[in-house]
Amino acid sequence: MRPSFGAKPTKDGVSFRLWAPGARRVDLLLERRHAMQRRQDGWYVAEIAGLPVGSPYRFRIDDEIDVPDPASAFQPEDVFGPSEVIDHDAFKWRAKDWRGRPWEETVLIETHVGTFTRDGTYRAMIDKLDHLVVSGITALELMPLADFAGRRGWGYDGVLWYAPDSAYGRPEDLKTLIDEAHLRGLMVFLDVVYNHFGPEGNYLGRYAPTFFTDAHTPWGSAIDYRVPQVRAFAVENALSWLTDYRFDGLRLDAANHIMAIPGEQSMLHDLSAAVGELAKATDRHIHLVLENGDNRASMLDAAQEPPSGKYRAQWNDDYHHVWHVMLTGELNGYYGDYQTPRMDLARALASGFVYQGEISEFWGKKPRGEASGELPPATFVTFLQNHDQIGNRPLGDRLESLASPQQIEAALAVTLLAPMVPMLFQGEEWGSKVPFPFFCDFQGGLADAVRKGRKQEYAWAYATYGDEVPDPLDPATPQSAVLDWTGRTPEQDARLALVRNLLALRHREIMPRLKGARFGDAVAEDNGLLNAHWRMGDGTTLRLTANLSDKDIAHSNNNAGTPIWGGAAGDRLPPWSVVWHLGG
């Protein structure tokens, strides 16, 4: 089916379509002006014969303002410049037979293109793909690429959803990265933002005001998915990333801030169903993952193949928070909801979410979440660090600066072998201490507002650290976040060896048993002893015994099966030790 939006090459030239119900007149600006024809429901169309691929173009609205195409496939001069006609069918894929990998084989690493390498480009990432494969990672996840204002940013302020940001290269460079990943057996995921548009470079409100409601998200006006064209814009965008670029999956940012319509099928349902149809038609494994602070278990189904209205998995923030509180003692903000971290960790290991309907103080003293214990463990993506949990700290400091190596290695031994889907953040596999502070590239009053807002939000940090708090607008701030691939210490080499060994064990013993696995039970004792077990898909039982304390613990060893990590649990467990068994 032909997408509704944007510029599409045809056998005779290029076809242009713009939904602008609030405009009285729209002109297509090429070398000269072309009046576009108004059709029903606010659509404007133009067919230009003989126009070559690569041509720049803009739309002129009511003879008042020139704007890029909201479905632009590429913006070589950033969000304020002209759009470029791209022929997605022209790219010659090498991994022609790639169909993806089953969800149970997923080990994610979250990355930011601009700081993953010194060059900060799609093509520069290719040189690091072999490192990921050797490390046992199976899925490269990219932070958002939708074109945002400026040359530096996290990507969550994208305004042109269909255009990969030109700061990192051209569309064919991104396709080459994905193709090279597939040739190595790596899946590639993309983080997408459908809950808001960024504050600079979005002109939709001028010519399509019904795109938005009067409601607001924490980042801007809420998008009105009751409008069919608006809903189609998001669904077709997801399909574009999955077809034009052959991404293997999408992670939807802050889905709890996507407007739901009481009594109607949600946009999220329609998106999943459309992706499921694509997966069925192309015989591909395609995976959809949510970030959802509401912990809606009813939206999740890891076993639904292909997707058909639900989502494969969710980032489990609860899991991160309990580890962070346990390892750092921090209780500010949302961490205050996790006053008993060992008990909360046991709940996460036994049934997924910590909050399954309990009252959350941080979330407005309201019930949060739904029961999740009947879901497969692989429904939950677990992690010790990610871009949010590092970058939203005033200094952007990683867990390596906050906890001991012994503690972190115990947490990794639990996270990378448990039957949930694990995720690392770039450089975490070797214990990088390179910070990942927040940064952006706004100008003028918006830049001043960002600085002011950060200083208000982190007033305590500015009072404590002063000029040490990075300025998000300073070009040196993203430079400080660039990974150092050449300067690993012996301790970091040892950490990388540990992670590789853990993931090799996961590939050998855990992945083949994940399909059909079920939650079991977990118990945490006051002295730091943790016991947990899961029933795996082949009928075996996976058991975890851990000492999550700074002291030896007396332990009554039972017949727990064959040790696969950490040796057999003796009558005393050393501090921060982790033992895994697999048996009947």
Protein backbone atom coordinates (compact mmCIF):
# COMPACT_ATOMS: atom_id res chain seq x y z
CA MET A 1 0.00 0.00 0.00
CA ARG A 2 1.33 3.45 -0.93
CA PRO A 3 2.06 5.58 2.14
CA SER A 4 -0.25 8.57 2.52
CA PHE A 5 2.39 11.17 3.34
CA GLY A 6 5.48 12.63 1.73
CA ALA A 7 7.27 12.65 -1.61
CA LYS A 8 7.42 9.36 -3.52
CA PRO A 9 9.31 8.69 -6.76
CA THR A 10 7.13 7.32 -9.55
CA LYS A 11 7.97 5.95 -12.98
CA ASP A 12 7.31 9.42 -14.43
CA GLY A 13 8.68 11.72 -11.72
CA VAL A 14 7.68 12.41 -8.13
CA SER A 15 4.32 12.44 -6.36
CA PHE A 16 3.84 14.87 -3.43
CA ARG A 17 1.15 14.70 -0.74
CA LEU A 18 0.64 17.01 2.23
CA TRP A 19 -2.17 16.93 4.77
CA ALA A 20 -2.84 20.61 5.54
CA PRO A 21 -6.51 21.03 6.56
CA GLY A 22 -5.79 24.44 8.08
CA ALA A 23 -4.27 25.90 4.92
CA ARG A 24 -6.19 27.87 2.28
CA ARG A 25 -3.48 27.33 -0.34
CA VAL A 26 -0.32 25.22 -0.61
CA ASP A 27 2.41 25.59 -3.21
CA LEU A 28 5.21 23.14 -3.91
CA LEU A 29 8.51 24.99 -4.18
CA LEU A 30 11.02 23.48 -6.59
CA GLU A 31 13.00 25.56 -9.08
CA ARG A 32 9.68 27.29 -9.54
CA ARG A 33 6.37 27.34 -7.71
CA HIS A 34 3.71 24.69 -8.41
CA ALA A 35 0.19 25.14 -7.04
CA MET A 36 -0.95 21.95 -5.30
CA GLN A 37 -4.47 20.66 -5.79
CA ARG A 38 -6.70 20.51 -2.76
CA ARG A 39 -8.54 17.22 -2.34
CA GLN A 40 -11.01 15.96 0.25
CA ASP A 41 -10.21 16.02 3.99
CA GLY A 42 -7.48 18.65 3.68
CA TRP A 43 -5.07 16.78 1.37
CA TYR A 44 -2.95 18.68 -1.13
CA VAL A 45 -1.34 16.80 -4.03
CA ALA A 46 1.03 17.44 -6.93
CA GLU A 47 2.52 15.18 -9.60
CA ILE A 48 5.76 16.52 -11.10
CA ALA A 49 6.96 14.73 -14.23
CA GLY A 50 10.67 14.35 -14.90
CA LEU A 51 11.79 15.46 -11.45
CA PRO A 52 14.93 13.54 -10.40
CA VAL A 53 15.55 11.83 -7.09
CA GLY A 54 17.64 14.07 -4.86
CA SER A 55 15.71 17.22 -5.71
CA PRO A 56 15.21 19.70 -2.85
CA TYR A 57 11.69 20.99 -2.15
CA ARG A 58 9.56 22.92 0.34
CA PHE A 59 5.88 23.73 0.80
CA ARG A 60 4.63 27.32 0.92
CA ILE A 61 1.58 27.77 3.14
CA ASP A 62 -0.92 30.55 2.28
CA ASP A 63 1.86 32.65 0.75
CA GLU A 64 3.05 33.25 4.32
CA ILE A 65 5.58 30.62 5.38
CA ASP A 66 7.84 28.04 3.73
CA VAL A 67 8.06 24.70 5.55
CA PRO A 68 9.75 21.32 5.09
CA ASP A 69 7.71 18.23 4.41
CA PRO A 70 6.52 16.78 7.76
CA ALA A 71 7.14 13.34 6.20
CA SER A 72 10.49 14.38 4.74
CA ALA A 73 12.78 11.42 4.09
CA PHE A 74 15.90 13.55 4.56
CA GLN A 75 16.90 17.07 5.63
CA PRO A 76 20.48 17.74 4.46
CA GLU A 77 20.38 21.26 5.95
CA ASP A 78 18.60 20.39 9.21
CA VAL A 79 14.95 20.91 10.13
CA PHE A 80 14.68 24.46 8.76
CA GLY A 81 16.10 23.64 5.32
CA PRO A 82 14.55 22.04 2.27
CA SER A 83 13.51 18.40 2.17
CA GLU A 84 15.16 16.01 -0.29
CA VAL A 85 13.40 13.45 -2.49
CA ILE A 86 14.72 10.00 -1.56
CA ASP A 87 14.16 6.74 -3.45
CA HIS A 88 14.22 4.06 -0.76
CA ASP A 89 13.91 1.30 -3.35
CA ALA A 90 17.25 2.24 -4.92
CA PHE A 91 19.40 0.86 -2.09
CA LYS A 92 21.05 -2.48 -2.85
CA TRP A 93 20.78 -4.66 0.24
CA ARG A 94 23.38 -7.36 0.73
CA ALA A 95 21.69 -9.29 3.58
CA LYS A 96 18.78 -10.15 1.30
CA ASP A 97 17.78 -13.31 3.17
CA TRP A 98 17.77 -11.73 6.64
CA ARG A 99 14.52 -12.43 8.51
CA GLY A 100 15.54 -11.37 12.01
CA ARG A 101 15.91 -13.46 15.14
CA PRO A 102 13.39 -14.80 17.67
CA TRP A 103 12.75 -12.54 20.66
CA GLU A 104 14.19 -15.13 23.05
CA GLU A 105 17.63 -14.61 21.48
CA THR A 106 17.68 -10.88 22.24
CA VAL A 107 20.51 -9.24 24.20
CA LEU A 108 20.26 -5.48 23.72
CA ILE A 109 22.79 -2.70 23.87
CA GLU A 110 21.45 0.86 23.84
CA THR A 111 23.59 3.34 21.92
CA HIS A 112 23.70 6.99 20.88
CA VAL A 113 25.10 7.35 17.36
CA GLY A 114 26.78 10.69 18.02
CA THR A 115 28.80 9.51 21.03
CA PHE A 116 29.29 5.81 20.27
CA THR A 117 32.40 6.61 18.22
CA ARG A 118 34.76 9.55 17.84
CA ASP A 119 33.35 10.32 14.37
CA GLY A 120 29.75 10.07 15.60
CA THR A 121 28.31 8.68 12.36
CA TYR A 122 26.31 5.70 11.16
CA ARG A 123 29.25 4.44 9.12
CA ALA A 124 31.70 4.76 12.01
CA MET A 125 29.52 2.38 14.04
CA ILE A 126 30.14 -0.39 11.53
CA ASP A 127 33.71 -0.83 12.77
CA LYS A 128 32.37 -1.71 16.24
CA LEU A 129 29.81 -4.32 15.18
CA ASP A 130 32.26 -7.22 15.48
CA HIS A 131 32.99 -6.16 19.06
CA LEU A 132 29.27 -6.44 19.85
CA VAL A 133 29.01 -9.89 18.27
CA VAL A 134 32.06 -11.24 20.10
CA SER A 135 30.68 -9.82 23.36
CA GLY A 136 27.48 -11.88 22.99
CA ILE A 137 25.17 -8.97 22.14
CA THR A 138 22.53 -9.78 19.53
CA ALA A 139 20.65 -6.50 19.13
CA LEU A 140 21.93 -2.96 18.59
CA GLU A 141 19.42 -0.35 19.75
CA LEU A 142 19.77 3.22 18.49
CA MET A 143 18.45 6.20 20.41
CA PRO A 144 15.97 8.28 18.34
CA LEU A 145 17.08 9.42 14.89
CA ALA A 146 14.06 11.49 13.79
CA ASP A 147 15.48 14.84 12.68
CA PHE A 148 15.81 17.34 15.53
CA ALA A 149 16.95 20.97 15.59
CA GLY A 150 20.72 21.43 15.71
CA ARG A 151 23.68 19.09 15.37
CA ARG A 152 23.77 17.68 18.88
CA GLY A 153 21.05 16.01 20.94
CA TRP A 154 19.64 12.86 22.44
CA GLY A 155 16.96 12.66 19.74
CA TYR A 156 13.86 12.88 21.92
CA ASP A 157 13.02 16.32 20.50
CA GLY A 158 12.57 15.07 16.93
CA VAL A 159 10.20 17.04 14.69
CA LEU A 160 10.51 15.26 11.33
CA TRP A 161 9.73 11.67 12.19
CA TYR A 162 10.57 10.10 8.82
CA ALA A 163 14.00 11.73 8.34
CA PRO A 164 17.08 10.20 10.01
CA ASP A 165 19.12 13.10 11.37
CA SER A 166 21.72 14.38 8.93
CA ALA A 167 24.21 14.99 11.76
CA TYR A 168 25.02 11.27 11.58
CA GLY A 169 25.02 10.77 7.80
CA ARG A 170 22.67 10.17 4.91
CA PRO A 171 19.82 7.60 4.70
CA GLU A 172 22.01 5.24 2.67
CA ASP A 173 24.63 5.38 5.44
CA LEU A 174 22.05 4.27 8.00
CA LYS A 175 20.92 1.48 5.68
CA THR A 176 24.52 0.37 5.25
CA LEU A 177 24.95 0.18 9.03
CA ILE A 178 21.81 -1.95 9.36
CA ASP A 179 22.82 -4.15 6.42
CA GLU A 180 26.26 -4.75 7.91
CA ALA A 181 24.70 -5.58 11.26
CA HIS A 182 22.39 -8.13 9.63
CA LEU A 183 25.33 -9.71 7.79
CA ARG A 184 26.83 -10.35 11.24
CA GLY A 185 23.63 -11.76 12.73
CA LEU A 186 22.83 -8.60 14.71
CA MET A 187 19.31 -7.23 14.97
CA VAL A 188 18.90 -3.45 14.96
CA PHE A 189 16.22 -1.64 16.99
CA LEU A 190 15.19 2.01 16.90
CA ASP A 191 13.81 4.18 19.69
CA VAL A 192 10.81 6.18 18.39
CA VAL A 193 8.86 9.02 20.03
CA TYR A 194 5.14 9.22 19.31
CA ASN A 195 4.02 11.17 22.39
CA HIS A 196 5.16 14.68 21.36
CA PHE A 197 7.12 16.75 18.86
CA GLY A 198 10.19 18.77 19.75
CA PRO A 199 9.92 22.51 20.52
CA GLU A 200 11.86 23.80 17.51
CA GLY A 201 11.22 23.14 13.82
CA ASN A 202 7.68 21.73 14.06
CA TYR A 203 5.25 23.64 11.80
CA LEU A 204 2.31 21.22 11.91
CA GLY A 205 0.29 23.49 14.18
CA ARG A 206 0.29 26.18 11.47
CA TYR A 207 -1.35 24.17 8.68
CA ALA A 208 -2.76 21.12 10.56
CA PRO A 209 -3.87 22.46 13.95
CA THR A 210 -6.07 19.42 14.59
CA PHE A 211 -2.86 17.39 14.91
CA PHE A 212 -2.82 18.47 18.56
CA THR A 213 -5.20 18.72 21.51
CA ASP A 214 -5.38 21.27 24.30
CA ALA A 215 -3.82 18.70 26.64
CA HIS A 216 -0.09 18.69 27.34
CA THR A 217 2.60 16.10 27.98
CA PRO A 218 5.67 17.01 30.07
CA TRP A 219 7.38 17.91 26.77
CA GLY A 220 4.71 19.69 24.74
CA SER A 221 1.22 19.53 23.26
CA ALA A 222 -0.48 16.13 23.20
CA ILE A 223 -0.99 14.55 19.78
CA ASP A 224 -4.63 13.92 18.86
CA TYR A 225 -4.78 10.33 17.71
CA ARG A 226 -8.57 10.52 17.42
CA VAL A 227 -7.94 12.13 14.00
CA PRO A 228 -7.53 9.36 11.37
CA GLN A 229 -4.79 11.18 9.45
CA VAL A 230 -2.82 11.79 12.63
CA ARG A 231 -3.05 8.16 13.61
CA ALA A 232 -1.99 7.12 10.11
CA PHE A 233 1.03 9.46 10.31
CA ALA A 234 2.40 7.53 13.31
CA VAL A 235 1.51 4.04 12.08
CA GLU A 236 3.00 4.68 8.64
CA ASN A 237 6.11 6.11 10.26
CA ALA A 238 6.65 2.88 12.18
CA LEU A 239 6.18 0.90 8.97
CA SER A 240 8.63 3.17 7.17
CA TRP A 241 11.44 2.48 9.64
CA LEU A 242 10.71 -1.25 9.46
CA THR A 243 10.47 -1.47 5.65
CA ASP A 244 12.58 1.34 4.18
CA TYR A 245 15.43 0.77 6.67
CA ARG A 246 14.70 -2.85 7.72
CA PHE A 247 14.92 -2.23 11.44
CA ASP A 248 14.08 -5.40 13.36
CA GLY A 249 12.16 -3.68 16.12
CA LEU A 250 11.02 -0.44 17.67
CA ARG A 251 11.04 0.80 21.25
CA LEU A 252 8.21 3.30 21.85
CA ASP A 253 9.19 6.06 24.25
CA ALA A 254 6.90 7.02 27.18
CA ALA A 255 3.82 5.25 25.87
CA ASN A 256 1.87 6.33 28.96
CA HIS A 257 1.92 9.87 27.50
CA ILE A 258 0.32 8.78 24.22
CA MET A 259 -3.29 9.88 24.38
CA ALA A 260 -5.74 7.01 24.89
CA ILE A 261 -9.36 7.31 23.74
CA PRO A 262 -11.87 5.75 26.16
CA GLY A 263 -13.98 3.12 24.44
CA GLU A 264 -11.93 3.18 21.21
CA GLN A 265 -9.09 1.09 19.88
CA SER A 266 -5.83 2.87 20.65
CA MET A 267 -3.21 4.03 18.18
CA LEU A 268 -0.81 1.66 19.93
CA HIS A 269 -3.09 -1.27 19.09
CA ASP A 270 -3.36 -0.18 15.46
CA LEU A 271 0.40 0.23 15.18
CA SER A 272 1.03 -3.25 16.55
CA ALA A 273 -1.58 -4.79 14.26
CA ALA A 274 -0.10 -3.06 11.20
CA VAL A 275 3.40 -4.23 12.12
CA GLY A 276 2.05 -7.74 12.58
CA GLU A 277 0.64 -7.69 9.06
CA LEU A 278 4.03 -6.56 7.76
CA ALA A 279 5.81 -9.34 9.66
CA LYS A 280 3.38 -11.92 8.30
CA ALA A 281 3.67 -10.67 4.72
CA THR A 282 7.47 -10.63 4.79
CA ASP A 283 8.07 -13.68 7.02
CA ARG A 284 10.16 -11.59 9.43
CA HIS A 285 10.67 -11.50 13.17
CA ILE A 286 9.71 -7.92 14.15
CA HIS A 287 9.66 -6.89 17.80
CA LEU A 288 7.80 -4.02 19.46
CA VAL A 289 8.84 -2.83 22.93
CA LEU A 290 7.25 -0.24 25.18
CA GLU A 291 8.47 2.18 27.77
CA ASN A 292 5.35 2.67 29.88
CA GLY A 293 5.40 4.15 33.38
CA ASP A 294 1.85 2.88 33.94
CA ASN A 295 3.06 -0.78 33.98
CA ARG A 296 0.13 -1.96 31.84
CA ALA A 297 0.61 -5.71 31.74
CA SER A 298 -2.52 -6.03 29.59
CA MET A 299 -0.67 -4.36 26.69
CA LEU A 300 2.06 -7.02 26.67
CA ASP A 301 2.39 -10.48 25.16
CA ALA A 302 5.88 -11.74 24.40
CA ALA A 303 4.48 -14.87 22.76
CA GLN A 304 2.21 -13.06 20.26
CA GLU A 305 3.83 -13.95 16.91
CA PRO A 306 3.50 -11.87 14.86
CA PRO A 307 2.34 -8.79 16.81
CA SER A 308 -1.41 -8.39 16.66
CA GLY A 309 -2.32 -5.46 18.87
CA LYS A 310 0.05 -6.09 21.78
CA TYR A 311 3.74 -5.53 22.49
CA ARG A 312 6.54 -8.01 22.87
CA ALA A 313 8.04 -6.50 25.99
CA GLN A 314 8.46 -3.47 28.23
CA TRP A 315 11.48 -1.77 29.72
CA ASN A 316 11.21 -2.68 33.40
CA ASP A 317 12.16 0.53 35.19
CA ASP A 318 11.19 -1.08 38.50
CA TYR A 319 14.01 -3.59 38.08
CA HIS A 320 16.55 -0.82 37.51
CA HIS A 321 15.31 1.25 40.43
CA VAL A 322 15.61 -1.50 43.03
CA TRP A 323 19.18 -2.25 42.01
CA HIS A 324 20.08 1.44 42.01
CA VAL A 325 18.69 1.97 45.50
CA MET A 326 20.39 -1.18 46.76
CA LEU A 327 23.79 -0.27 45.33
CA THR A 328 23.81 3.48 45.97
CA GLY A 329 21.41 4.13 48.86
CA GLU A 330 19.85 7.01 46.88
CA LEU A 331 16.18 7.60 47.70
CA ASN A 332 15.44 10.92 45.97
CA GLY A 333 12.64 11.26 43.40
CA TYR A 334 11.14 8.02 42.16
CA TYR A 335 13.75 6.03 44.06
CA GLY A 336 11.76 6.86 47.19
CA ASP A 337 9.17 4.29 46.08
CA TYR A 338 11.71 1.49 46.64
CA GLN A 339 12.48 1.61 50.35
CA THR A 340 12.98 -2.18 50.61
CA PRO A 341 15.13 -2.89 47.55
CA ARG A 342 15.96 -6.54 48.24
CA MET A 343 12.30 -7.40 48.79
CA ASP A 344 11.39 -5.38 45.71
CA LEU A 345 14.05 -7.17 43.66
CA ALA A 346 12.58 -10.51 44.71
CA ARG A 347 9.16 -9.33 43.51
CA ALA A 348 10.60 -8.24 40.15
CA LEU A 349 12.36 -11.58 39.71
CA ALA A 350 9.24 -13.52 40.72
CA SER A 351 6.60 -11.67 38.69
CA GLY A 352 7.96 -8.81 36.58
CA PHE A 353 6.84 -5.43 37.85
CA VAL A 354 7.32 -4.28 41.43
CA TYR A 355 4.26 -2.05 41.18
CA GLN A 356 1.30 -4.17 40.12
CA GLY A 357 -1.50 -1.99 41.46
CA GLU A 358 0.09 -0.78 44.69
CA ILE A 359 0.01 2.87 45.69
CA SER A 360 2.98 4.84 44.36
CA GLU A 361 3.93 7.93 46.31
CA PHE A 362 5.94 9.36 43.43
CA TRP A 363 3.18 8.78 40.87
CA GLY A 364 0.71 10.96 42.77
CA LYS A 365 -0.15 8.57 45.61
CA LYS A 366 -2.24 6.54 43.16
CA PRO A 367 -2.35 2.85 42.25
CA ARG A 368 0.24 2.01 39.62
CA GLY A 369 0.48 -1.04 37.42
CA GLU A 370 -1.30 -4.30 36.75
CA ALA A 371 -0.60 -7.89 37.80
CA SER A 372 2.20 -9.27 35.62
CA GLY A 373 3.12 -12.68 37.06
CA GLU A 374 1.25 -14.63 34.38
CA LEU A 375 3.34 -13.10 31.60
CA PRO A 376 6.47 -14.90 30.36
CA PRO A 377 9.68 -13.60 31.96
CA ALA A 378 10.95 -12.52 28.53
CA THR A 379 8.19 -9.88 28.49
CA PHE A 380 10.49 -7.70 30.59
CA VAL A 381 13.65 -5.89 29.41
CA THR A 382 15.94 -5.54 32.42
CA PHE A 383 18.93 -3.25 32.82
CA LEU A 384 21.20 -1.64 35.38
CA GLN A 385 21.80 1.51 33.30
CA ASN A 386 20.30 3.31 30.32
CA HIS A 387 20.39 6.77 28.76
CA ASP A 388 17.70 8.13 31.11
CA GLN A 389 19.09 6.79 34.34
CA ILE A 390 22.59 8.08 33.57
CA GLY A 391 21.86 11.18 31.54
CA ASN A 392 19.20 12.64 33.79
CA ARG A 393 21.66 12.79 36.66
CA PRO A 394 23.19 16.29 37.00
CA LEU A 395 26.71 15.04 36.22
CA GLY A 396 25.70 12.22 33.90
CA ASP A 397 27.73 9.82 36.06
CA ARG A 398 27.47 6.07 35.56
CA LEU A 399 26.94 3.33 38.13
CA GLU A 400 30.69 2.65 38.00
CA SER A 401 31.22 5.91 39.91
CA LEU A 402 28.58 5.08 42.53
CA ALA A 403 29.04 1.42 43.48
CA SER A 404 31.90 -1.02 43.97
CA PRO A 405 33.05 -3.36 41.19
CA GLN A 406 32.06 -6.34 43.36
CA GLN A 407 28.50 -5.06 43.69
CA ILE A 408 28.16 -4.25 39.99
CA GLU A 409 29.51 -7.63 38.94
CA ALA A 410 26.99 -9.38 41.18
CA ALA A 411 24.20 -7.32 39.63
CA LEU A 412 25.45 -8.21 36.15
CA ALA A 413 25.61 -11.91 37.03
CA VAL A 414 21.94 -11.75 38.01
CA THR A 415 20.76 -9.55 35.14
CA LEU A 416 22.56 -11.26 32.26
CA LEU A 417 21.50 -14.81 33.21
CA ALA A 418 17.96 -14.29 34.49
CA PRO A 419 15.25 -15.34 32.00
CA MET A 420 14.24 -11.74 31.25
CA VAL A 421 15.73 -9.96 28.21
CA PRO A 422 18.86 -8.04 29.30
CA MET A 423 20.06 -4.68 28.04
CA LEU A 424 23.38 -2.88 28.45
CA PHE A 425 24.21 0.77 27.80
CA GLN A 426 27.09 1.61 25.48
CA GLY A 427 30.43 0.90 27.17
CA GLU A 428 28.80 -0.82 30.13
CA GLU A 429 30.15 -4.14 28.90
CA TRP A 430 33.64 -3.02 29.91
CA GLY A 431 32.68 -0.80 32.83
CA SER A 432 33.21 2.52 31.09
CA LYS A 433 33.22 5.56 33.38
CA VAL A 434 32.69 8.02 30.51
CA PRO A 435 29.69 10.15 31.58
CA PHE A 436 26.55 10.59 29.52
CA PRO A 437 25.16 14.02 30.47
CA PHE A 438 22.13 15.62 28.87
CA PHE A 439 22.95 17.82 25.84
CA CYS A 440 21.15 19.65 23.06
CA ASP A 441 21.77 22.33 20.42
CA PHE A 442 18.96 24.88 20.68
CA GLN A 443 19.45 28.58 20.03
CA GLY A 444 18.34 31.90 21.52
CA GLY A 445 15.48 31.97 24.02
CA LEU A 446 14.91 28.22 23.88
CA ALA A 447 18.54 27.58 24.82
CA ASP A 448 18.19 30.02 27.72
CA ALA A 449 15.00 28.25 28.84
CA VAL A 450 16.74 24.86 28.82
CA ARG A 451 19.59 26.21 30.97
CA LYS A 452 17.14 27.85 33.38
CA GLY A 453 15.02 24.71 33.64
CA ARG A 454 18.02 22.50 34.37
CA LYS A 455 19.25 24.88 37.06
CA GLN A 456 15.84 24.88 38.71
CA GLU A 457 15.45 21.09 38.52
CA TYR A 458 18.95 20.44 39.84
CA ALA A 459 19.38 23.42 42.14
CA TRP A 460 20.91 21.18 44.82
CA ALA A 461 23.51 19.92 42.36
CA TYR A 462 24.50 23.42 41.23
CA ALA A 463 24.81 24.39 44.90
CA THR A 464 27.04 21.37 45.55
CA TYR A 465 29.07 21.05 42.34
CA GLY A 466 28.85 24.54 40.82
CA ASP A 467 30.58 24.74 37.45
CA GLU A 468 31.17 20.97 37.45
CA VAL A 469 27.54 20.51 36.32
CA PRO A 470 27.79 20.30 32.50
CA ASP A 471 26.10 22.99 30.44
CA PRO A 472 23.77 21.07 28.08
CA LEU A 473 24.30 23.70 25.35
CA ASP A 474 28.10 23.60 25.47
CA PRO A 475 29.59 21.61 22.52
CA ALA A 476 32.11 20.18 24.99
CA THR A 477 29.31 18.36 26.86
CA PRO A 478 28.52 15.76 24.16
CA GLN A 479 32.26 15.46 23.51
CA SER A 480 32.71 14.39 27.13
CA ALA A 481 30.28 11.51 26.47
CA VAL A 482 32.17 10.00 23.52
CA LEU A 483 33.27 6.44 24.28
CA ASP A 484 37.01 5.79 24.55
CA TRP A 485 37.59 2.55 22.65
CA THR A 486 41.38 2.55 23.02
CA GLY A 487 42.09 3.29 26.66
CA ARG A 488 40.69 0.29 28.54
CA THR A 489 42.40 -0.53 31.81
CA PRO A 490 43.23 -4.10 32.94
CA GLU A 491 40.22 -3.89 35.26
CA GLN A 492 38.00 -2.97 32.32
CA ASP A 493 39.40 -5.82 30.25
CA ALA A 494 38.51 -8.14 33.12
CA ARG A 495 34.96 -6.73 33.22
CA LEU A 496 34.57 -7.27 29.48
CA ALA A 497 35.76 -10.86 29.89
CA LEU A 498 33.18 -11.37 32.65
CA VAL A 499 30.34 -10.01 30.52
CA ARG A 500 31.41 -12.11 27.55
CA ASN A 501 31.49 -15.25 29.72
CA LEU A 502 28.07 -14.49 31.17
CA LEU A 503 26.54 -13.90 27.76
CA ALA A 504 28.21 -17.00 26.31
CA LEU A 505 26.56 -18.98 29.11
CA ARG A 506 23.25 -17.26 28.36
CA HIS A 507 23.49 -18.27 24.70
CA ARG A 508 24.33 -21.85 25.63
CA GLU A 509 22.03 -22.57 28.59
CA ILE A 510 19.32 -19.89 28.88
CA MET A 511 18.26 -18.85 25.37
CA PRO A 512 17.35 -22.37 24.17
CA ARG A 513 15.05 -22.76 27.20
CA LEU A 514 13.37 -19.32 27.19
CA LYS A 515 10.43 -20.05 24.93
CA GLY A 516 7.62 -21.23 27.20
CA ALA A 517 9.43 -20.25 30.43
CA ARG A 518 7.30 -19.19 33.41
CA PHE A 519 7.88 -17.19 36.55
CA GLY A 520 8.42 -19.19 39.74
CA ASP A 521 9.12 -17.57 43.08
CA ALA A 522 11.75 -15.45 44.79
CA VAL A 523 12.46 -14.75 48.46
CA ALA A 524 14.77 -12.13 49.95
CA GLU A 525 15.84 -12.35 53.57
CA ASP A 526 16.88 -9.51 55.84
CA ASN A 527 20.52 -10.65 55.88
CA GLY A 528 20.83 -10.20 52.09
CA LEU A 529 20.22 -13.80 51.00
CA LEU A 530 18.17 -14.07 47.81
CA ASN A 531 16.73 -17.27 46.35
CA ALA A 532 14.73 -17.41 43.13
CA HIS A 533 13.63 -19.99 40.59
CA TRP A 534 11.89 -20.18 37.21
CA ARG A 535 10.35 -23.04 35.27
CA MET A 536 12.03 -23.06 31.85
CA GLY A 537 10.42 -24.00 28.58
CA ASP A 538 12.02 -27.46 28.46
CA GLY A 539 10.74 -28.35 31.93
CA THR A 540 13.99 -27.72 33.78
CA THR A 541 14.23 -25.35 36.74
CA LEU A 542 16.63 -22.42 36.74
CA ARG A 543 17.69 -21.44 40.27
CA LEU A 544 19.46 -18.38 41.61
CA THR A 545 21.16 -18.07 44.99
CA ALA A 546 22.83 -14.76 45.83
CA ASN A 547 24.34 -12.94 48.78
CA LEU A 548 23.50 -9.26 48.18
CA SER A 549 25.28 -7.97 51.27
CA ASP A 550 28.74 -7.00 52.49
CA LYS A 551 29.06 -9.97 54.90
CA ASP A 552 29.32 -13.73 54.65
CA ILE A 553 25.98 -15.52 54.99
CA ALA A 554 25.44 -18.99 56.38
CA HIS A 555 23.52 -20.97 53.81
CA SER A 556 21.90 -24.38 53.90
CA ASN A 557 22.73 -25.87 50.52
CA ASN A 558 20.03 -28.07 49.01
CA ASN A 559 19.94 -30.17 45.88
CA ALA A 560 19.47 -27.31 43.46
CA GLY A 561 20.66 -29.01 40.28
CA THR A 562 23.86 -28.62 38.28
CA PRO A 563 25.91 -25.46 38.93
CA ILE A 564 26.29 -23.38 35.77
CA TRP A 565 27.73 -20.18 37.29
CA GLY A 566 29.54 -19.35 40.52
CA GLY A 567 30.22 -22.92 41.57
CA ALA A 568 28.15 -24.92 44.01
CA ALA A 569 26.66 -22.88 46.85
CA GLY A 570 28.44 -24.05 49.99
CA ASP A 571 27.37 -23.60 53.59
CA ARG A 572 28.66 -20.00 53.51
CA LEU A 573 28.20 -17.46 50.73
CA PRO A 574 30.82 -14.69 50.36
CA PRO A 575 29.67 -11.08 50.04
CA TRP A 576 28.06 -10.19 46.69
CA SER A 577 28.30 -13.71 45.36
CA VAL A 578 25.93 -15.18 42.77
CA VAL A 579 25.33 -18.85 42.06
CA TRP A 580 23.14 -20.28 39.28
CA HIS A 581 21.91 -23.88 39.02
CA LEU A 582 19.97 -25.66 36.30
CA GLY A 583 18.19 -28.94 36.93
CA GLY A 584 14.95 -30.87 37.23
